[in-house]
Amino acid sequence: FAASIDGADVVENDANNNKRGKGKIKRKVASREVVFPARSLDFNVMFERLRVYHRLHGTCNVSLNYGDKQLRVWSYQWRNKRRKFDKMVQSDGGPSFVFPGLDDIDAKTYSKDEIPQYNYEWEDERVQHLETKESRHRRRYLLRTRHHIKCLNTLDFNWNITEIPSFEDRLKQLQKFIEEYGHYNVPRSYSDLGNWFHKMKGN
């Protein structure tokens, strides 16, 4: 099928091969053709699924009881990827050196209602001064990962899953649930709020 992702025209060839990770995605940029692995589609597809989950449950902490196992794993992988990203940026000289002129990674400059399209030509301008193919590839990876992190931040993505929400935060989540559904009987399957609610009822 064909789709427009991050402002690029994307064509996915051989759906059966793509399921096995063998497919290729072709993207034309400034009169040249660049080929990326089929998994390049993953972020856009999974981000939309996470956005739906966030809209339904008010959080990005995907419950262990939630049926979409792929979404749970993907969210967990992105927390690991953020840690790897931070280490790479620091080893390359820090954010001000790697991303000169750009805002802080956690600054709320994106809107969750309208995520900006990724500009590959802008990326080309940011890496063309680097001398080696390896350094350009590394910088492209960091730039795209930075964009993805900022997208996730629009949903208040919790990068530290071990962080326990305060009682006040739980009350806010409960109030949001009541406003949306008109009652306060939170089912256990409703994210981690459900488990917390039933634990409070038992006390």
N, C-alpha and C. Protein backbone atom coordinates (compact mmCIF):
# COMPACT_ATOMS: atom_id res chain seq x y z
N PHE A 1 0.84 -1.18 0.00
CA PHE A 1 0.00 0.00 0.00
C PHE A 1 0.88 1.23 0.00
N ALA A 2 0.27 2.39 -0.28
CA ALA A 2 1.01 3.65 -0.26
C ALA A 2 0.47 4.52 0.85
N ALA A 3 1.35 5.29 1.46
CA ALA A 3 0.93 6.18 2.54
C ALA A 3 1.87 7.36 2.61
N SER A 4 1.40 8.44 3.27
CA SER A 4 2.24 9.60 3.49
C SER A 4 2.62 9.64 4.95
N ILE A 5 3.89 9.50 5.24
CA ILE A 5 4.36 9.43 6.61
C ILE A 5 5.50 10.41 6.80
N ASP A 6 5.41 11.25 7.87
CA ASP A 6 6.44 12.24 8.14
C ASP A 6 6.71 13.10 6.92
N GLY A 7 5.70 13.41 6.16
CA GLY A 7 5.85 14.29 5.01
C GLY A 7 6.48 13.61 3.82
N ALA A 8 6.68 12.30 3.86
CA ALA A 8 7.33 11.61 2.75
C ALA A 8 6.34 10.67 2.08
N ASP A 9 6.54 10.46 0.78
CA ASP A 9 5.72 9.48 0.07
C ASP A 9 6.33 8.12 0.29
N VAL A 10 5.53 7.21 0.84
CA VAL A 10 6.04 5.90 1.22
C VAL A 10 5.31 4.82 0.46
N VAL A 11 6.06 3.84 -0.02
CA VAL A 11 5.46 2.71 -0.71
C VAL A 11 5.97 1.44 -0.07
N GLU A 12 5.06 0.62 0.41
CA GLU A 12 5.45 -0.64 1.05
C GLU A 12 5.25 -1.76 0.04
N ASN A 13 6.33 -2.46 -0.28
CA ASN A 13 6.30 -3.51 -1.28
C ASN A 13 6.20 -4.89 -0.63
N ASP A 14 5.40 -5.74 -1.21
CA ASP A 14 5.27 -7.14 -0.81
C ASP A 14 4.88 -7.25 0.66
N ALA A 15 3.59 -7.21 0.94
CA ALA A 15 3.09 -7.22 2.31
C ALA A 15 3.56 -8.46 3.07
N ASN A 16 3.65 -9.60 2.39
CA ASN A 16 4.07 -10.82 3.06
C ASN A 16 5.51 -10.73 3.52
N ASN A 17 6.37 -10.17 2.67
CA ASN A 17 7.77 -10.01 3.07
C ASN A 17 7.91 -9.02 4.20
N ASN A 18 7.08 -7.97 4.18
CA ASN A 18 7.17 -6.96 5.23
C ASN A 18 6.85 -7.54 6.59
N LYS A 19 5.92 -8.51 6.64
CA LYS A 19 5.60 -9.15 7.90
C LYS A 19 6.80 -9.88 8.46
N ARG A 20 7.69 -10.31 7.57
CA ARG A 20 8.89 -11.01 8.02
C ARG A 20 10.08 -10.06 8.15
N GLY A 21 9.82 -8.75 7.99
CA GLY A 21 10.89 -7.78 8.15
C GLY A 21 11.80 -7.67 6.94
N LYS A 22 11.37 -8.24 5.78
CA LYS A 22 12.23 -8.24 4.60
C LYS A 22 11.84 -7.17 3.59
N GLY A 23 10.70 -6.54 3.82
CA GLY A 23 10.23 -5.55 2.87
C GLY A 23 11.06 -4.28 2.91
N LYS A 24 10.89 -3.44 1.93
CA LYS A 24 11.60 -2.17 1.87
C LYS A 24 10.62 -1.04 1.65
N ILE A 25 10.98 0.11 2.16
CA ILE A 25 10.18 1.31 1.97
C ILE A 25 11.01 2.28 1.15
N LYS A 26 10.42 2.78 0.08
CA LYS A 26 11.14 3.69 -0.79
C LYS A 26 10.65 5.11 -0.56
N ARG A 27 11.59 6.05 -0.45
CA ARG A 27 11.24 7.44 -0.23
C ARG A 27 12.10 8.30 -1.14
N LYS A 28 11.48 9.21 -1.88
CA LYS A 28 12.21 10.10 -2.76
C LYS A 28 12.45 11.43 -2.07
N VAL A 29 13.69 11.85 -2.04
CA VAL A 29 14.06 13.13 -1.43
C VAL A 29 14.97 13.88 -2.39
N ALA A 30 14.51 15.04 -2.84
CA ALA A 30 15.33 15.90 -3.70
C ALA A 30 15.95 15.12 -4.85
N SER A 31 15.13 14.42 -5.61
CA SER A 31 15.49 13.72 -6.84
C SER A 31 16.35 12.48 -6.63
N ARG A 32 16.53 12.04 -5.38
CA ARG A 32 17.25 10.78 -5.19
C ARG A 32 16.37 9.83 -4.38
N GLU A 33 16.59 8.55 -4.54
CA GLU A 33 15.75 7.56 -3.87
C GLU A 33 16.54 6.95 -2.72
N VAL A 34 15.90 6.92 -1.53
CA VAL A 34 16.51 6.36 -0.34
C VAL A 34 15.65 5.20 0.12
N VAL A 35 16.26 4.10 0.49
CA VAL A 35 15.53 2.91 0.90
C VAL A 35 15.75 2.66 2.38
N PHE A 36 14.65 2.49 3.12
CA PHE A 36 14.72 2.19 4.54
C PHE A 36 14.03 0.86 4.80
N PRO A 37 14.39 0.18 5.91
CA PRO A 37 13.70 -1.07 6.28
C PRO A 37 12.22 -0.81 6.54
N ALA A 38 11.40 -1.85 6.37
CA ALA A 38 9.96 -1.71 6.55
C ALA A 38 9.61 -1.26 7.96
N ARG A 39 10.45 -1.56 8.95
CA ARG A 39 10.14 -1.19 10.32
C ARG A 39 10.12 0.32 10.53
N SER A 40 10.56 1.10 9.51
CA SER A 40 10.48 2.55 9.62
C SER A 40 9.04 3.01 9.81
N LEU A 41 8.08 2.17 9.39
CA LEU A 41 6.68 2.50 9.57
C LEU A 41 6.24 2.39 11.02
N ASP A 42 6.95 1.66 11.82
CA ASP A 42 6.49 1.30 13.14
C ASP A 42 6.11 2.49 14.01
N PHE A 43 6.94 3.51 14.06
CA PHE A 43 6.65 4.59 14.99
C PHE A 43 5.32 5.25 14.67
N ASN A 44 5.10 5.58 13.41
CA ASN A 44 3.87 6.28 13.04
C ASN A 44 2.62 5.45 13.37
N VAL A 45 2.68 4.17 13.08
CA VAL A 45 1.54 3.28 13.33
C VAL A 45 1.32 3.12 14.83
N MET A 46 2.40 2.84 15.56
CA MET A 46 2.28 2.59 16.99
C MET A 46 1.94 3.86 17.76
N PHE A 47 2.44 5.00 17.31
CA PHE A 47 2.12 6.26 17.97
C PHE A 47 0.62 6.54 17.90
N GLU A 48 0.01 6.24 16.76
CA GLU A 48 -1.43 6.44 16.64
C GLU A 48 -2.19 5.51 17.58
N ARG A 49 -1.70 4.30 17.74
CA ARG A 49 -2.35 3.36 18.66
C ARG A 49 -2.19 3.83 20.10
N LEU A 50 -1.02 4.38 20.42
CA LEU A 50 -0.81 4.91 21.77
C LEU A 50 -1.68 6.15 22.00
N ARG A 51 -1.85 6.95 20.97
CA ARG A 51 -2.68 8.14 21.11
C ARG A 51 -4.14 7.74 21.40
N VAL A 52 -4.61 6.67 20.76
CA VAL A 52 -5.96 6.16 21.04
C VAL A 52 -6.05 5.69 22.48
N TYR A 53 -5.02 4.94 22.93
CA TYR A 53 -5.01 4.43 24.31
C TYR A 53 -5.03 5.60 25.29
N HIS A 54 -4.23 6.63 25.02
CA HIS A 54 -4.17 7.80 25.89
C HIS A 54 -5.51 8.51 25.95
N ARG A 55 -6.19 8.60 24.82
CA ARG A 55 -7.49 9.25 24.78
C ARG A 55 -8.53 8.47 25.59
N LEU A 56 -8.41 7.14 25.60
CA LEU A 56 -9.38 6.31 26.32
C LEU A 56 -9.08 6.22 27.80
N HIS A 57 -7.79 6.19 28.15
CA HIS A 57 -7.41 5.90 29.54
C HIS A 57 -6.74 7.06 30.26
N GLY A 58 -6.39 8.13 29.55
CA GLY A 58 -5.80 9.28 30.19
C GLY A 58 -4.36 9.11 30.62
N THR A 59 -3.70 8.08 30.14
CA THR A 59 -2.31 7.82 30.49
C THR A 59 -1.64 7.04 29.37
N CYS A 60 -0.30 7.07 29.33
CA CYS A 60 0.46 6.28 28.37
C CYS A 60 1.05 5.03 29.02
N ASN A 61 0.77 4.85 30.30
CA ASN A 61 1.25 3.65 31.00
C ASN A 61 0.32 2.49 30.67
N VAL A 62 0.66 1.77 29.61
CA VAL A 62 -0.22 0.71 29.11
C VAL A 62 -0.32 -0.41 30.14
N SER A 63 -1.53 -0.71 30.55
CA SER A 63 -1.78 -1.70 31.60
C SER A 63 -1.33 -3.10 31.16
N LEU A 64 -0.87 -3.89 32.13
CA LEU A 64 -0.49 -5.27 31.84
C LEU A 64 -1.70 -6.10 31.42
N ASN A 65 -2.89 -5.63 31.80
CA ASN A 65 -4.12 -6.35 31.43
C ASN A 65 -4.65 -5.95 30.06
N TYR A 66 -4.02 -4.95 29.45
CA TYR A 66 -4.50 -4.46 28.16
C TYR A 66 -4.20 -5.49 27.07
N GLY A 67 -5.15 -5.70 26.18
CA GLY A 67 -5.03 -6.76 25.20
C GLY A 67 -3.96 -6.57 24.15
N ASP A 68 -3.55 -5.33 23.90
CA ASP A 68 -2.58 -5.05 22.84
C ASP A 68 -1.16 -5.24 23.39
N LYS A 69 -0.67 -6.47 23.36
CA LYS A 69 0.66 -6.76 23.89
C LYS A 69 1.75 -6.01 23.12
N GLN A 70 1.55 -5.87 21.80
CA GLN A 70 2.54 -5.19 20.98
C GLN A 70 2.72 -3.74 21.43
N LEU A 71 1.63 -3.08 21.81
CA LEU A 71 1.72 -1.71 22.28
C LEU A 71 2.45 -1.62 23.62
N ARG A 72 2.21 -2.59 24.50
CA ARG A 72 2.92 -2.61 25.79
C ARG A 72 4.42 -2.75 25.58
N VAL A 73 4.80 -3.68 24.72
CA VAL A 73 6.23 -3.91 24.46
C VAL A 73 6.86 -2.69 23.80
N TRP A 74 6.16 -2.11 22.84
CA TRP A 74 6.67 -0.94 22.13
C TRP A 74 6.92 0.23 23.09
N SER A 75 5.99 0.46 24.01
CA SER A 75 6.14 1.53 25.00
C SER A 75 7.36 1.28 25.88
N TYR A 76 7.52 0.03 26.30
CA TYR A 76 8.68 -0.33 27.13
C TYR A 76 9.97 -0.12 26.36
N GLN A 77 10.00 -0.50 25.09
CA GLN A 77 11.20 -0.33 24.27
C GLN A 77 11.58 1.14 24.12
N TRP A 78 10.56 2.01 24.02
CA TRP A 78 10.86 3.43 23.86
C TRP A 78 11.46 4.03 25.13
N ARG A 79 11.12 3.50 26.29
CA ARG A 79 11.77 3.99 27.51
C ARG A 79 13.25 3.62 27.50
N ASN A 80 13.57 2.42 27.03
CA ASN A 80 14.97 2.02 26.90
C ASN A 80 15.67 2.85 25.83
N LYS A 81 14.96 3.12 24.74
CA LYS A 81 15.54 3.89 23.65
C LYS A 81 15.85 5.32 24.09
N ARG A 82 15.00 5.90 24.95
CA ARG A 82 15.25 7.25 25.46
C ARG A 82 16.53 7.28 26.28
N ARG A 83 16.76 6.26 27.10
CA ARG A 83 17.99 6.20 27.90
C ARG A 83 19.21 6.08 26.99
N LYS A 84 19.10 5.26 25.96
CA LYS A 84 20.19 5.11 25.01
C LYS A 84 20.45 6.43 24.28
N PHE A 85 19.38 7.10 23.89
CA PHE A 85 19.48 8.39 23.20
C PHE A 85 20.22 9.41 24.07
N ASP A 86 19.84 9.53 25.32
CA ASP A 86 20.48 10.50 26.22
C ASP A 86 21.97 10.22 26.36
N LYS A 87 22.34 8.94 26.48
CA LYS A 87 23.75 8.59 26.61
C LYS A 87 24.53 8.94 25.34
N MET A 88 23.93 8.68 24.17
CA MET A 88 24.59 8.98 22.91
C MET A 88 24.81 10.49 22.75
N VAL A 89 23.80 11.28 23.10
CA VAL A 89 23.91 12.74 22.98
C VAL A 89 25.01 13.26 23.89
N GLN A 90 25.06 12.76 25.11
CA GLN A 90 26.10 13.21 26.04
C GLN A 90 27.48 12.82 25.56
N SER A 91 27.63 11.62 25.02
CA SER A 91 28.94 11.17 24.54
C SER A 91 29.39 11.93 23.30
N ASP A 92 28.44 12.51 22.57
CA ASP A 92 28.76 13.28 21.37
C ASP A 92 29.00 14.76 21.65
N GLY A 93 28.94 15.17 22.91
CA GLY A 93 29.23 16.56 23.25
C GLY A 93 28.09 17.32 23.90
N GLY A 94 26.96 16.65 24.12
CA GLY A 94 25.84 17.30 24.78
C GLY A 94 24.84 17.89 23.80
N PRO A 95 23.62 18.20 24.27
CA PRO A 95 22.55 18.70 23.41
C PRO A 95 22.90 19.96 22.63
N SER A 96 23.60 20.92 23.27
CA SER A 96 23.91 22.18 22.59
C SER A 96 24.88 21.99 21.44
N PHE A 97 25.68 20.92 21.49
CA PHE A 97 26.63 20.63 20.40
C PHE A 97 25.97 19.78 19.31
N VAL A 98 25.19 18.78 19.72
CA VAL A 98 24.56 17.87 18.77
C VAL A 98 23.38 18.53 18.08
N PHE A 99 22.62 19.35 18.82
CA PHE A 99 21.43 20.00 18.28
C PHE A 99 21.53 21.52 18.44
N PRO A 100 22.51 22.16 17.84
CA PRO A 100 22.67 23.61 18.01
C PRO A 100 21.46 24.38 17.47
N GLY A 101 21.00 25.33 18.27
CA GLY A 101 19.88 26.15 17.83
C GLY A 101 18.51 25.55 18.05
N LEU A 102 18.43 24.32 18.55
CA LEU A 102 17.14 23.67 18.78
C LEU A 102 16.77 23.76 20.26
N ASP A 103 15.46 23.72 20.53
CA ASP A 103 14.99 23.83 21.90
C ASP A 103 15.29 22.56 22.68
N ASP A 104 15.11 22.64 23.98
CA ASP A 104 15.34 21.50 24.85
C ASP A 104 14.43 20.34 24.45
N ILE A 105 14.93 19.12 24.60
CA ILE A 105 14.21 17.93 24.15
C ILE A 105 12.84 17.81 24.80
N ASP A 106 12.68 18.28 26.03
CA ASP A 106 11.42 18.13 26.74
C ASP A 106 10.55 19.39 26.69
N ALA A 107 10.97 20.38 25.92
CA ALA A 107 10.16 21.59 25.77
C ALA A 107 8.88 21.25 25.00
N LYS A 108 7.75 21.78 25.46
CA LYS A 108 6.45 21.47 24.84
C LYS A 108 6.22 22.38 23.63
N THR A 109 6.88 22.06 22.54
CA THR A 109 6.72 22.86 21.32
C THR A 109 5.84 22.18 20.29
N TYR A 110 5.52 20.89 20.51
CA TYR A 110 4.63 20.17 19.62
C TYR A 110 3.24 20.13 20.24
N SER A 111 2.23 20.10 19.40
CA SER A 111 0.86 19.96 19.87
C SER A 111 0.40 18.53 19.63
N LYS A 112 -0.26 17.93 20.62
CA LYS A 112 -0.71 16.55 20.46
C LYS A 112 -1.82 16.44 19.40
N ASP A 113 -2.44 17.58 19.09
CA ASP A 113 -3.51 17.57 18.10
C ASP A 113 -2.98 17.65 16.68
N GLU A 114 -1.76 18.15 16.52
CA GLU A 114 -1.19 18.29 15.18
C GLU A 114 0.33 18.15 15.26
N ILE A 115 0.81 16.92 15.13
CA ILE A 115 2.24 16.65 15.18
C ILE A 115 2.88 17.12 13.87
N PRO A 116 3.95 17.92 13.93
CA PRO A 116 4.57 18.40 12.69
C PRO A 116 5.20 17.26 11.89
N GLN A 117 5.15 17.39 10.59
CA GLN A 117 5.77 16.39 9.73
C GLN A 117 7.29 16.52 9.80
N TYR A 118 7.94 15.37 9.76
CA TYR A 118 9.40 15.38 9.81
C TYR A 118 9.95 15.82 8.46
N ASN A 119 10.90 16.75 8.49
CA ASN A 119 11.45 17.33 7.27
C ASN A 119 12.82 16.71 6.97
N TYR A 120 12.86 15.83 5.97
CA TYR A 120 14.10 15.14 5.65
C TYR A 120 15.14 16.07 5.00
N GLU A 121 14.68 17.07 4.30
CA GLU A 121 15.62 18.02 3.70
C GLU A 121 16.30 18.85 4.79
N TRP A 122 15.54 19.20 5.81
CA TRP A 122 16.11 19.88 6.98
C TRP A 122 17.16 19.01 7.64
N GLU A 123 16.87 17.71 7.71
CA GLU A 123 17.83 16.76 8.28
C GLU A 123 19.11 16.73 7.47
N ASP A 124 18.96 16.72 6.13
CA ASP A 124 20.14 16.71 5.26
C ASP A 124 21.05 17.90 5.53
N GLU A 125 20.45 19.06 5.74
CA GLU A 125 21.23 20.26 6.01
C GLU A 125 21.99 20.15 7.33
N ARG A 126 21.42 19.43 8.27
CA ARG A 126 22.02 19.31 9.60
C ARG A 126 23.17 18.30 9.64
N VAL A 127 23.28 17.44 8.65
CA VAL A 127 24.32 16.41 8.70
C VAL A 127 25.37 16.56 7.60
N GLN A 128 25.15 17.46 6.64
CA GLN A 128 26.04 17.52 5.49
C GLN A 128 27.47 17.96 5.84
N HIS A 129 27.65 18.64 6.99
CA HIS A 129 28.98 19.11 7.36
C HIS A 129 29.83 18.01 8.00
N LEU A 130 29.20 16.90 8.37
CA LEU A 130 29.93 15.81 9.02
C LEU A 130 30.75 15.06 7.99
N GLU A 131 31.94 14.63 8.38
CA GLU A 131 32.91 14.13 7.41
C GLU A 131 32.71 12.68 7.00
N THR A 132 32.29 11.83 7.93
CA THR A 132 32.21 10.41 7.62
C THR A 132 30.76 9.93 7.49
N LYS A 133 30.59 8.85 6.76
CA LYS A 133 29.26 8.25 6.59
C LYS A 133 28.71 7.80 7.93
N GLU A 134 29.58 7.26 8.79
CA GLU A 134 29.14 6.77 10.09
C GLU A 134 28.62 7.91 10.97
N SER A 135 29.34 9.03 10.96
CA SER A 135 28.91 10.16 11.79
C SER A 135 27.61 10.76 11.28
N ARG A 136 27.44 10.79 9.95
CA ARG A 136 26.18 11.30 9.39
C ARG A 136 25.02 10.38 9.74
N HIS A 137 25.26 9.07 9.65
CA HIS A 137 24.21 8.10 9.98
C HIS A 137 23.82 8.22 11.46
N ARG A 138 24.81 8.38 12.33
CA ARG A 138 24.55 8.52 13.77
C ARG A 138 23.74 9.78 14.05
N ARG A 139 24.10 10.89 13.40
CA ARG A 139 23.39 12.13 13.64
C ARG A 139 21.95 12.07 13.11
N ARG A 140 21.75 11.40 11.97
CA ARG A 140 20.39 11.22 11.45
C ARG A 140 19.54 10.45 12.46
N TYR A 141 20.14 9.40 13.02
CA TYR A 141 19.43 8.60 14.01
C TYR A 141 19.02 9.46 15.21
N LEU A 142 19.93 10.30 15.68
CA LEU A 142 19.64 11.15 16.84
C LEU A 142 18.57 12.19 16.52
N LEU A 143 18.63 12.76 15.33
CA LEU A 143 17.64 13.77 14.95
C LEU A 143 16.24 13.17 14.85
N ARG A 144 16.14 11.99 14.26
CA ARG A 144 14.82 11.36 14.12
C ARG A 144 14.30 10.88 15.47
N THR A 145 15.21 10.33 16.27
CA THR A 145 14.79 9.88 17.60
C THR A 145 14.34 11.05 18.44
N ARG A 146 15.01 12.18 18.30
CA ARG A 146 14.62 13.39 19.02
C ARG A 146 13.20 13.81 18.63
N HIS A 147 12.91 13.76 17.35
CA HIS A 147 11.56 14.10 16.87
C HIS A 147 10.52 13.16 17.46
N HIS A 148 10.83 11.87 17.49
CA HIS A 148 9.89 10.89 18.02
C HIS A 148 9.67 11.09 19.52
N ILE A 149 10.72 11.41 20.25
CA ILE A 149 10.60 11.66 21.68
C ILE A 149 9.69 12.86 21.93
N LYS A 150 9.85 13.91 21.12
CA LYS A 150 9.02 15.09 21.28
C LYS A 150 7.55 14.77 20.95
N CYS A 151 7.33 13.88 20.00
CA CYS A 151 5.96 13.44 19.71
C CYS A 151 5.35 12.74 20.93
N LEU A 152 6.12 11.84 21.53
CA LEU A 152 5.64 11.11 22.70
C LEU A 152 5.40 12.04 23.87
N ASN A 153 6.21 13.09 23.98
CA ASN A 153 6.04 14.04 25.08
C ASN A 153 4.71 14.79 25.00
N THR A 154 4.14 14.89 23.81
CA THR A 154 2.84 15.57 23.69
C THR A 154 1.74 14.80 24.41
N LEU A 155 1.98 13.49 24.64
CA LEU A 155 1.02 12.65 25.36
C LEU A 155 1.41 12.50 26.82
N ASP A 156 2.36 13.34 27.28
CA ASP A 156 2.86 13.23 28.67
C ASP A 156 3.38 11.83 28.95
N PHE A 157 4.14 11.31 28.00
CA PHE A 157 4.70 9.97 28.12
C PHE A 157 5.57 9.89 29.36
N ASN A 158 5.33 8.87 30.18
CA ASN A 158 6.09 8.68 31.42
C ASN A 158 7.35 7.87 31.12
N TRP A 159 8.50 8.57 31.08
CA TRP A 159 9.75 7.90 30.72
C TRP A 159 10.29 7.04 31.85
N ASN A 160 9.88 7.32 33.07
CA ASN A 160 10.32 6.54 34.22
C ASN A 160 9.13 5.78 34.77
N ILE A 161 8.94 4.57 34.30
CA ILE A 161 7.75 3.80 34.65
C ILE A 161 7.73 3.42 36.12
N THR A 162 8.88 3.46 36.80
CA THR A 162 8.93 3.11 38.21
C THR A 162 8.41 4.26 39.09
N GLU A 163 8.20 5.41 38.48
CA GLU A 163 7.68 6.55 39.23
C GLU A 163 6.22 6.32 39.60
N ILE A 164 5.91 6.38 40.91
CA ILE A 164 4.57 6.10 41.39
C ILE A 164 3.78 7.41 41.47
N PRO A 165 2.64 7.50 40.78
CA PRO A 165 1.84 8.73 40.84
C PRO A 165 1.41 9.04 42.27
N SER A 166 1.34 10.32 42.61
CA SER A 166 0.90 10.74 43.94
C SER A 166 -0.61 10.52 44.09
N PHE A 167 -1.08 10.60 45.33
CA PHE A 167 -2.51 10.44 45.58
C PHE A 167 -3.30 11.53 44.85
N GLU A 168 -2.76 12.75 44.82
CA GLU A 168 -3.43 13.85 44.13
C GLU A 168 -3.53 13.57 42.63
N ASP A 169 -2.45 12.97 42.05
CA ASP A 169 -2.48 12.63 40.62
C ASP A 169 -3.55 11.58 40.34
N ARG A 170 -3.68 10.62 41.25
CA ARG A 170 -4.70 9.59 41.08
C ARG A 170 -6.11 10.19 41.13
N LEU A 171 -6.32 11.14 42.02
CA LEU A 171 -7.63 11.78 42.12
C LEU A 171 -7.96 12.53 40.84
N LYS A 172 -6.95 13.16 40.24
CA LYS A 172 -7.16 13.87 38.98
C LYS A 172 -7.54 12.89 37.87
N GLN A 173 -6.87 11.73 37.84
CA GLN A 173 -7.19 10.71 36.84
C GLN A 173 -8.61 10.18 37.06
N LEU A 174 -8.99 10.01 38.35
CA LEU A 174 -10.33 9.53 38.66
C LEU A 174 -11.38 10.55 38.25
N GLN A 175 -11.09 11.83 38.49
CA GLN A 175 -12.03 12.88 38.10
C GLN A 175 -12.22 12.91 36.58
N LYS A 176 -11.12 12.71 35.85
CA LYS A 176 -11.20 12.69 34.39
C LYS A 176 -12.04 11.50 33.93
N PHE A 177 -11.89 10.36 34.61
CA PHE A 177 -12.68 9.17 34.28
C PHE A 177 -14.17 9.45 34.51
N ILE A 178 -14.50 10.08 35.64
CA ILE A 178 -15.89 10.37 35.98
C ILE A 178 -16.51 11.32 34.95
N GLU A 179 -15.73 12.33 34.54
CA GLU A 179 -16.23 13.29 33.56
C GLU A 179 -16.51 12.63 32.22
N GLU A 180 -15.71 11.62 31.89
CA GLU A 180 -15.86 10.97 30.58
C GLU A 180 -16.95 9.92 30.58
N TYR A 181 -17.07 9.15 31.69
CA TYR A 181 -17.99 8.01 31.69
C TYR A 181 -19.22 8.22 32.57
N GLY A 182 -19.25 9.27 33.38
CA GLY A 182 -20.42 9.56 34.19
C GLY A 182 -20.57 8.72 35.44
N HIS A 183 -19.57 7.95 35.81
CA HIS A 183 -19.60 7.16 37.05
C HIS A 183 -18.16 6.95 37.53
N TYR A 184 -18.03 6.39 38.73
CA TYR A 184 -16.69 6.24 39.30
C TYR A 184 -16.29 4.77 39.50
N ASN A 185 -17.06 3.85 38.95
CA ASN A 185 -16.73 2.42 39.09
C ASN A 185 -15.68 2.03 38.05
N VAL A 186 -14.45 2.31 38.35
CA VAL A 186 -13.36 2.06 37.41
C VAL A 186 -13.08 0.55 37.36
N PRO A 187 -13.19 -0.07 36.18
CA PRO A 187 -12.89 -1.51 36.09
C PRO A 187 -11.40 -1.77 36.28
N ARG A 188 -11.08 -2.95 36.76
CA ARG A 188 -9.67 -3.29 36.99
C ARG A 188 -8.85 -3.24 35.71
N SER A 189 -9.49 -3.52 34.57
CA SER A 189 -8.78 -3.56 33.29
C SER A 189 -8.46 -2.17 32.75
N TYR A 190 -8.93 -1.12 33.45
CA TYR A 190 -8.74 0.25 32.97
C TYR A 190 -7.40 0.78 33.47
N SER A 191 -6.32 0.48 32.75
CA SER A 191 -4.96 0.92 33.06
C SER A 191 -4.63 0.66 34.52
N ASP A 192 -3.60 1.33 35.04
CA ASP A 192 -3.21 1.13 36.43
C ASP A 192 -4.13 1.88 37.39
N LEU A 193 -4.94 2.80 36.85
CA LEU A 193 -5.92 3.49 37.69
C LEU A 193 -6.93 2.50 38.25
N GLY A 194 -7.33 1.51 37.44
CA GLY A 194 -8.28 0.51 37.89
C GLY A 194 -7.75 -0.28 39.08
N ASN A 195 -6.49 -0.70 39.00
CA ASN A 195 -5.89 -1.44 40.12
C ASN A 195 -5.83 -0.59 41.37
N TRP A 196 -5.43 0.68 41.20
CA TRP A 196 -5.34 1.60 42.34
C TRP A 196 -6.72 1.81 42.97
N PHE A 197 -7.74 2.01 42.14
CA PHE A 197 -9.09 2.28 42.63
C PHE A 197 -9.61 1.12 43.46
N HIS A 198 -9.43 -0.10 42.97
CA HIS A 198 -9.94 -1.26 43.70
C HIS A 198 -9.12 -1.54 44.96
N LYS A 199 -7.86 -1.15 44.92
CA LYS A 199 -7.05 -1.28 46.14
C LYS A 199 -7.55 -0.31 47.20
N MET A 200 -7.91 0.91 46.78
CA MET A 200 -8.43 1.90 47.72
C MET A 200 -9.79 1.45 48.28
N LYS A 201 -10.62 0.83 47.45
CA LYS A 201 -11.92 0.36 47.90
C LYS A 201 -11.76 -0.73 48.96
N GLY A 202 -10.70 -1.50 48.82
CA GLY A 202 -10.49 -2.61 49.77
C GLY A 202 -9.95 -2.16 51.11
N ASN A 203 -9.39 -0.94 51.18
CA ASN A 203 -8.82 -0.44 52.43
C ASN A 203 -9.92 0.08 53.36
